[in-house]
Amino acid sequence: MKRKYQELLAVLIILFIYLGIFINPKLIIESGITSINIFKTRLFPSIFPFFVLASLLLNLGLADKISRKINFIIKRVFHIEGISSFIVVISIISGFPSGSKYISDCYKKGLINKRVSNYLLTFTHFGNPLFILGTCAIVLNDITIAYKILIINIVANIILGIILRPKEIISSNYTLKNEKVTFMEALPNAINDAIKLLLFMLGSITFFMFFSKLLTSLINLNDFYTVIITGILDLTSGISMVNTLNISSYLQGLIVLSFITFGSLSVHLQVINNIKEQDLSYKYFFIGRIIETSLALILYLL
């Protein structure tokens, strides 16, 4: 029965989009252009270098060395060790959806088990620092609130990781094998991996932007609800519209923080795409976002 309802929902969404294309074809073109502009000016510059860096560290075998250096901290805080330490750190540096990608990659290589992988999915949802301090600061016109959002996002995830951590330390004897790949051999692979991930991000952003534009154009909503619906579907588009609301920067920051911590359906789709080939459960990521958003809002209001 559940499958039947899912198929019905999929048919309704497809019909809704087809009707929208015929009713307002100009809208899909404008949505595509807008999403590409957002991608090339705000996402690509802030995310691409970090994705390439992370892939290089993995392919060159340097991730294992980094893991050994920071393992004692991650082991004490989250009760996990080994390459998991690298995943936590690179997730903070790179931003989502890198966490799910490297969790999936390491699980596929047998470097972490299923239990650790699902646990990591709950709390490695960190916003890219450059995106938050750049784009969010420009939108909010307040760098102080942008720093506050960045710090709260990190702290909320750390608290979540501690709350849900295993009671006992999960040991791992697995380390990355150094296949003696040269830098010039690893660089093209790192760039290709980053481009594939970013292209899927662009596709998901474009789809959800068109869907949100179509939905809000058919339903006569005020600016506030338009921004909220847009942000739930795609956080980047929603964040770019927050400064159009006639509310204080403090409340704008609260909305931006909610979008980042929940992730939007666009980011959730990217995570599903990253883990779909592995035997990992999306529900851990979803539950993590609900708890993280709650924690983050409490910290922001305090």
Protein backbone atom coordinates (compact mmCIF):
# COMPACT_ATOMS: atom_id res chain seq x y z
CA MET A 1 0.00 0.00 0.00
CA LYS A 2 2.84 2.36 0.84
CA ARG A 3 4.38 1.74 -2.57
CA LYS A 4 1.03 2.49 -4.21
CA TYR A 5 0.82 5.91 -2.51
CA GLN A 6 4.40 6.72 -3.52
CA GLU A 7 3.61 5.94 -7.15
CA LEU A 8 0.46 8.07 -6.98
CA LEU A 9 2.42 11.01 -5.54
CA ALA A 10 5.06 10.66 -8.27
CA VAL A 11 2.37 10.69 -10.99
CA LEU A 12 0.74 13.80 -9.48
CA ILE A 13 4.09 15.65 -9.31
CA ILE A 14 4.91 14.75 -12.94
CA LEU A 15 1.47 15.85 -14.14
CA PHE A 16 1.77 19.08 -12.15
CA ILE A 17 5.12 19.88 -13.77
CA TYR A 18 3.92 19.02 -17.28
CA LEU A 19 0.91 21.29 -16.86
CA GLY A 20 3.16 24.02 -15.53
CA ILE A 21 5.43 23.77 -18.56
CA PHE A 22 2.52 24.23 -20.95
CA ILE A 23 0.78 26.91 -18.89
CA ASN A 24 3.90 28.98 -18.20
CA PRO A 25 6.88 27.84 -20.36
CA LYS A 26 8.69 31.10 -19.65
CA LEU A 27 8.87 30.17 -15.97
CA ILE A 28 11.01 27.05 -16.51
CA ILE A 29 13.48 29.03 -18.62
CA GLU A 30 13.74 31.77 -16.01
CA SER A 31 14.11 29.18 -13.23
CA GLY A 32 16.90 27.44 -15.11
CA ILE A 33 18.77 30.70 -15.70
CA THR A 34 18.34 31.77 -12.06
CA SER A 35 19.52 28.42 -10.70
CA ILE A 36 22.59 28.47 -12.97
CA ASN A 37 23.44 32.00 -11.82
CA ILE A 38 23.09 31.01 -8.16
CA PHE A 39 25.21 27.91 -8.78
CA LYS A 40 28.04 29.66 -10.62
CA THR A 41 28.23 32.71 -8.33
CA ARG A 42 27.57 31.21 -4.88
CA LEU A 43 27.93 27.44 -4.82
CA PHE A 44 30.62 26.45 -7.32
CA PRO A 45 33.30 28.90 -6.13
CA SER A 46 32.80 28.02 -2.47
CA ILE A 47 32.38 24.24 -2.76
CA PHE A 48 34.46 23.03 -5.73
CA PRO A 49 37.93 23.64 -4.19
CA PHE A 50 37.00 21.77 -1.00
CA PHE A 51 35.61 18.76 -2.89
CA VAL A 52 38.80 18.51 -4.97
CA LEU A 53 40.95 18.84 -1.85
CA ALA A 54 39.06 16.08 -0.03
CA SER A 55 39.30 13.70 -3.00
CA LEU A 56 43.04 14.36 -3.30
CA LEU A 57 43.58 13.59 0.38
CA LEU A 58 41.70 10.29 -0.01
CA ASN A 59 43.32 9.24 -3.29
CA LEU A 60 46.85 10.12 -2.18
CA GLY A 61 46.48 8.23 1.10
CA LEU A 62 46.90 11.38 3.17
CA ALA A 63 43.49 11.02 4.79
CA ASP A 64 44.76 8.11 6.88
CA LYS A 65 47.66 10.19 8.21
CA ILE A 66 45.29 13.02 9.12
CA SER A 67 42.97 10.53 10.84
CA ARG A 68 45.83 9.25 13.00
CA LYS A 69 46.70 12.80 14.11
CA ILE A 70 43.19 13.75 15.20
CA ASN A 71 41.93 10.31 16.14
CA PHE A 72 42.38 10.82 19.89
CA ILE A 73 39.92 13.76 19.86
CA ILE A 74 37.25 12.13 17.69
CA LYS A 75 37.58 8.89 19.65
CA ARG A 76 36.88 10.63 22.96
CA VAL A 77 34.04 12.80 21.69
CA PHE A 78 32.15 10.48 19.32
CA HIS A 79 33.40 6.97 20.29
CA ILE A 80 34.57 6.21 16.75
CA GLU A 81 38.04 6.05 15.27
CA GLY A 82 40.02 5.32 12.14
CA ILE A 83 39.02 6.96 8.89
CA SER A 84 35.84 8.20 10.60
CA SER A 85 37.96 10.98 12.10
CA PHE A 86 38.83 12.21 8.61
CA ILE A 87 35.17 12.08 7.51
CA VAL A 88 34.10 14.28 10.44
CA VAL A 89 36.80 16.88 9.81
CA ILE A 90 36.41 17.01 6.01
CA SER A 91 32.63 17.36 6.44
CA ILE A 92 33.19 20.48 8.54
CA ILE A 93 35.64 21.91 6.01
CA SER A 94 33.82 20.98 2.78
CA GLY A 95 30.18 21.30 3.79
CA PHE A 96 27.21 19.19 2.75
CA PRO A 97 26.68 16.93 0.91
CA SER A 98 30.34 15.90 1.17
CA GLY A 99 29.72 14.02 4.42
CA SER A 100 27.34 11.52 2.81
CA LYS A 101 29.63 11.15 -0.22
CA TYR A 102 32.73 10.25 1.79
CA ILE A 103 30.72 8.05 4.16
CA SER A 104 29.46 6.14 1.14
CA ASP A 105 32.94 5.95 -0.46
CA CYS A 106 34.60 4.69 2.73
CA TYR A 107 31.80 2.19 3.40
CA LYS A 108 32.12 0.88 -0.15
CA LYS A 109 35.87 0.36 0.38
CA GLY A 110 35.23 -1.47 3.65
CA LEU A 111 36.92 1.22 5.73
CA ILE A 112 33.90 1.71 8.02
CA ASN A 113 31.02 -0.61 8.85
CA LYS A 114 27.29 -0.04 8.40
CA ARG A 115 26.69 0.96 12.01
CA VAL A 116 29.34 3.69 11.94
CA SER A 117 28.19 4.85 8.49
CA ASN A 118 24.58 5.33 9.59
CA TYR A 119 25.73 7.06 12.77
CA LEU A 120 27.94 9.46 10.79
CA LEU A 121 25.00 10.33 8.53
CA THR A 122 23.17 11.81 11.52
CA PHE A 123 25.66 14.55 12.41
CA THR A 124 28.05 15.28 9.50
CA HIS A 125 25.68 17.84 7.94
CA PHE A 126 27.87 20.95 8.11
CA GLY A 127 27.34 24.03 5.96
CA ASN A 128 30.30 25.08 3.83
CA PRO A 129 32.10 27.83 5.82
CA LEU A 130 32.86 29.93 2.74
CA PHE A 131 29.21 29.75 1.62
CA ILE A 132 27.89 30.77 5.05
CA LEU A 133 30.39 33.57 5.63
CA GLY A 134 30.15 34.76 2.03
CA THR A 135 26.66 34.29 0.65
CA CYS A 136 24.78 34.42 3.96
CA ALA A 137 26.70 37.48 5.12
CA ILE A 138 25.83 39.30 1.87
CA VAL A 139 22.16 38.30 2.02
CA LEU A 140 21.82 39.26 5.70
CA ASN A 141 24.18 42.23 5.39
CA ASP A 142 25.57 41.24 8.78
CA ILE A 143 28.79 39.23 9.11
CA THR A 144 28.21 38.78 12.86
CA ILE A 145 24.99 36.83 12.28
CA ALA A 146 26.73 34.80 9.56
CA TYR A 147 29.45 33.78 12.06
CA LYS A 148 26.74 32.96 14.59
CA ILE A 149 24.99 30.69 12.08
CA LEU A 150 28.28 28.94 11.22
CA ILE A 151 29.21 28.33 14.87
CA ILE A 152 25.71 27.15 15.85
CA ASN A 153 25.60 24.75 12.88
CA ILE A 154 28.88 23.18 14.00
CA VAL A 155 28.01 23.09 17.71
CA ALA A 156 24.52 21.63 17.07
CA ASN A 157 26.02 18.79 15.03
CA ILE A 158 28.66 18.08 17.66
CA ILE A 159 26.00 17.97 20.40
CA LEU A 160 23.89 15.67 18.20
CA GLY A 161 26.88 13.40 17.61
CA ILE A 162 27.50 13.16 21.36
CA ILE A 163 23.83 12.47 22.13
CA LEU A 164 23.59 9.65 19.56
CA ARG A 165 27.11 8.26 19.92
CA PRO A 166 27.61 4.53 20.63
CA LYS A 167 27.99 3.64 24.29
CA GLU A 168 31.23 1.85 23.61
CA ILE A 169 34.10 2.90 21.35
CA ILE A 170 33.81 1.19 17.96
CA SER A 171 37.29 0.07 16.95
CA SER A 172 38.44 -0.19 13.37
CA ASN A 173 41.58 -1.76 11.99
CA TYR A 174 40.93 -0.53 8.48
CA THR A 175 43.12 2.15 6.94
CA LEU A 176 43.35 3.52 3.44
CA LYS A 177 45.77 1.59 1.27
CA ASN A 178 48.41 3.73 -0.34
CA GLU A 179 48.29 2.70 -3.99
CA LYS A 180 51.22 4.96 -4.81
CA VAL A 181 49.14 7.27 -6.98
CA THR A 182 51.00 10.39 -8.06
CA PHE A 183 49.56 13.87 -7.65
CA MET A 184 49.13 14.29 -11.42
CA GLU A 185 47.24 10.99 -11.56
CA ALA A 186 45.04 11.80 -8.58
CA LEU A 187 44.16 15.37 -9.63
CA PRO A 188 42.06 14.49 -12.75
CA ASN A 189 40.10 11.91 -10.75
CA ALA A 190 39.51 14.43 -7.97
CA ILE A 191 38.27 17.06 -10.44
CA ASN A 192 36.00 14.54 -12.20
CA ASP A 193 34.49 13.39 -8.89
CA ALA A 194 33.85 16.98 -7.82
CA ILE A 195 32.28 17.91 -11.17
CA LYS A 196 29.92 14.91 -11.08
CA LEU A 197 28.76 15.79 -7.60
CA LEU A 198 28.33 19.48 -8.44
CA LEU A 199 26.42 18.73 -11.66
CA PHE A 200 23.91 16.66 -9.70
CA MET A 201 23.63 19.55 -7.23
CA LEU A 202 22.89 21.91 -10.12
CA GLY A 203 20.26 19.54 -11.49
CA SER A 204 18.50 19.16 -8.15
CA ILE A 205 18.59 22.91 -7.51
CA THR A 206 17.11 23.62 -10.96
CA PHE A 207 14.33 21.05 -10.53
CA PHE A 208 13.25 22.25 -7.10
CA MET A 209 13.51 25.90 -8.07
CA PHE A 210 11.17 25.34 -11.01
CA PHE A 211 8.80 23.36 -8.80
CA SER A 212 8.76 26.07 -6.10
CA LYS A 213 8.33 28.88 -8.65
CA LEU A 214 5.45 27.03 -10.29
CA LEU A 215 3.81 26.20 -6.97
CA THR A 216 4.06 29.72 -5.54
CA SER A 217 2.87 31.29 -8.82
CA LEU A 218 -0.28 29.16 -8.90
CA ILE A 219 -1.01 29.65 -5.20
CA ASN A 220 -1.26 33.33 -4.31
CA LEU A 221 1.01 33.46 -1.25
CA ASN A 222 2.59 36.41 0.52
CA ASP A 223 6.37 36.95 0.49
CA PHE A 224 6.96 35.16 3.80
CA TYR A 225 5.34 31.87 2.80
CA THR A 226 6.92 32.08 -0.65
CA VAL A 227 10.38 32.26 0.93
CA ILE A 228 9.62 29.44 3.39
CA ILE A 229 8.33 27.08 0.69
CA THR A 230 11.25 27.93 -1.59
CA GLY A 231 13.76 27.35 1.24
CA ILE A 232 12.22 24.00 2.18
CA LEU A 233 12.52 22.85 -1.42
CA ASP A 234 15.98 24.36 -2.06
CA LEU A 235 17.93 26.18 0.65
CA THR A 236 20.19 28.17 -1.70
CA SER A 237 17.22 29.69 -3.51
CA GLY A 238 15.40 30.31 -0.23
CA ILE A 239 18.41 31.99 1.37
CA SER A 240 18.85 34.29 -1.64
CA MET A 241 15.27 35.54 -1.11
CA VAL A 242 15.38 36.06 2.67
CA ASN A 243 16.49 39.69 2.45
CA THR A 244 13.28 40.54 0.57
CA LEU A 245 11.31 40.00 3.78
CA ASN A 246 10.46 43.09 5.79
CA ILE A 247 11.76 41.69 9.08
CA SER A 248 14.86 42.25 11.22
CA SER A 249 18.24 40.75 10.37
CA TYR A 250 17.96 38.65 13.53
CA LEU A 251 14.78 36.94 12.29
CA GLN A 252 16.23 36.62 8.80
CA GLY A 253 19.19 34.83 10.36
CA LEU A 254 16.82 32.48 12.18
CA ILE A 255 15.20 31.52 8.87
CA VAL A 256 18.58 31.05 7.16
CA LEU A 257 19.77 28.84 10.03
CA SER A 258 16.62 26.70 9.73
CA PHE A 259 17.20 26.21 6.00
CA ILE A 260 20.86 25.22 6.52
CA THR A 261 20.30 22.81 9.40
CA PHE A 262 17.32 21.06 7.80
CA GLY A 263 19.03 21.00 4.43
CA SER A 264 16.00 21.37 2.12
CA LEU A 265 14.60 18.63 -0.11
CA SER A 266 17.27 19.43 -2.70
CA VAL A 267 20.08 18.50 -0.30
CA HIS A 268 18.17 15.45 0.93
CA LEU A 269 17.94 14.27 -2.68
CA GLN A 270 21.70 14.76 -3.08
CA VAL A 271 22.32 12.65 0.04
CA ILE A 272 19.99 9.90 -1.22
CA ASN A 273 21.90 9.93 -4.51
CA ASN A 274 25.23 9.57 -2.66
CA ILE A 275 24.16 6.58 -0.54
CA LYS A 276 21.71 4.83 -2.89
CA GLU A 277 24.25 2.27 -4.13
CA GLN A 278 25.22 1.29 -0.59
CA ASP A 279 23.18 -0.48 2.06
CA LEU A 280 22.81 2.69 4.12
CA SER A 281 19.60 4.14 5.55
CA TYR A 282 18.37 7.63 4.65
CA LYS A 283 16.21 7.71 7.79
CA TYR A 284 19.31 8.33 9.95
CA PHE A 285 20.10 11.45 7.94
CA PHE A 286 16.48 12.65 8.10
CA ILE A 287 16.16 12.10 11.86
CA GLY A 288 19.48 13.87 12.34
CA ARG A 289 18.23 16.94 10.49
CA ILE A 290 15.08 17.18 12.60
CA ILE A 291 17.06 16.98 15.86
CA GLU A 292 19.83 19.27 14.61
CA THR A 293 17.36 21.94 13.51
CA SER A 294 15.67 21.85 16.91
CA LEU A 295 19.00 22.16 18.74
CA ALA A 296 20.20 24.95 16.45
CA LEU A 297 17.05 27.04 16.91
CA ILE A 298 17.31 26.70 20.70
CA LEU A 299 20.97 27.81 20.62
CA TYR A 300 20.15 30.74 18.31
CA LEU A 301 17.33 31.98 20.51
CA LEU A 302 19.50 31.68 23.63
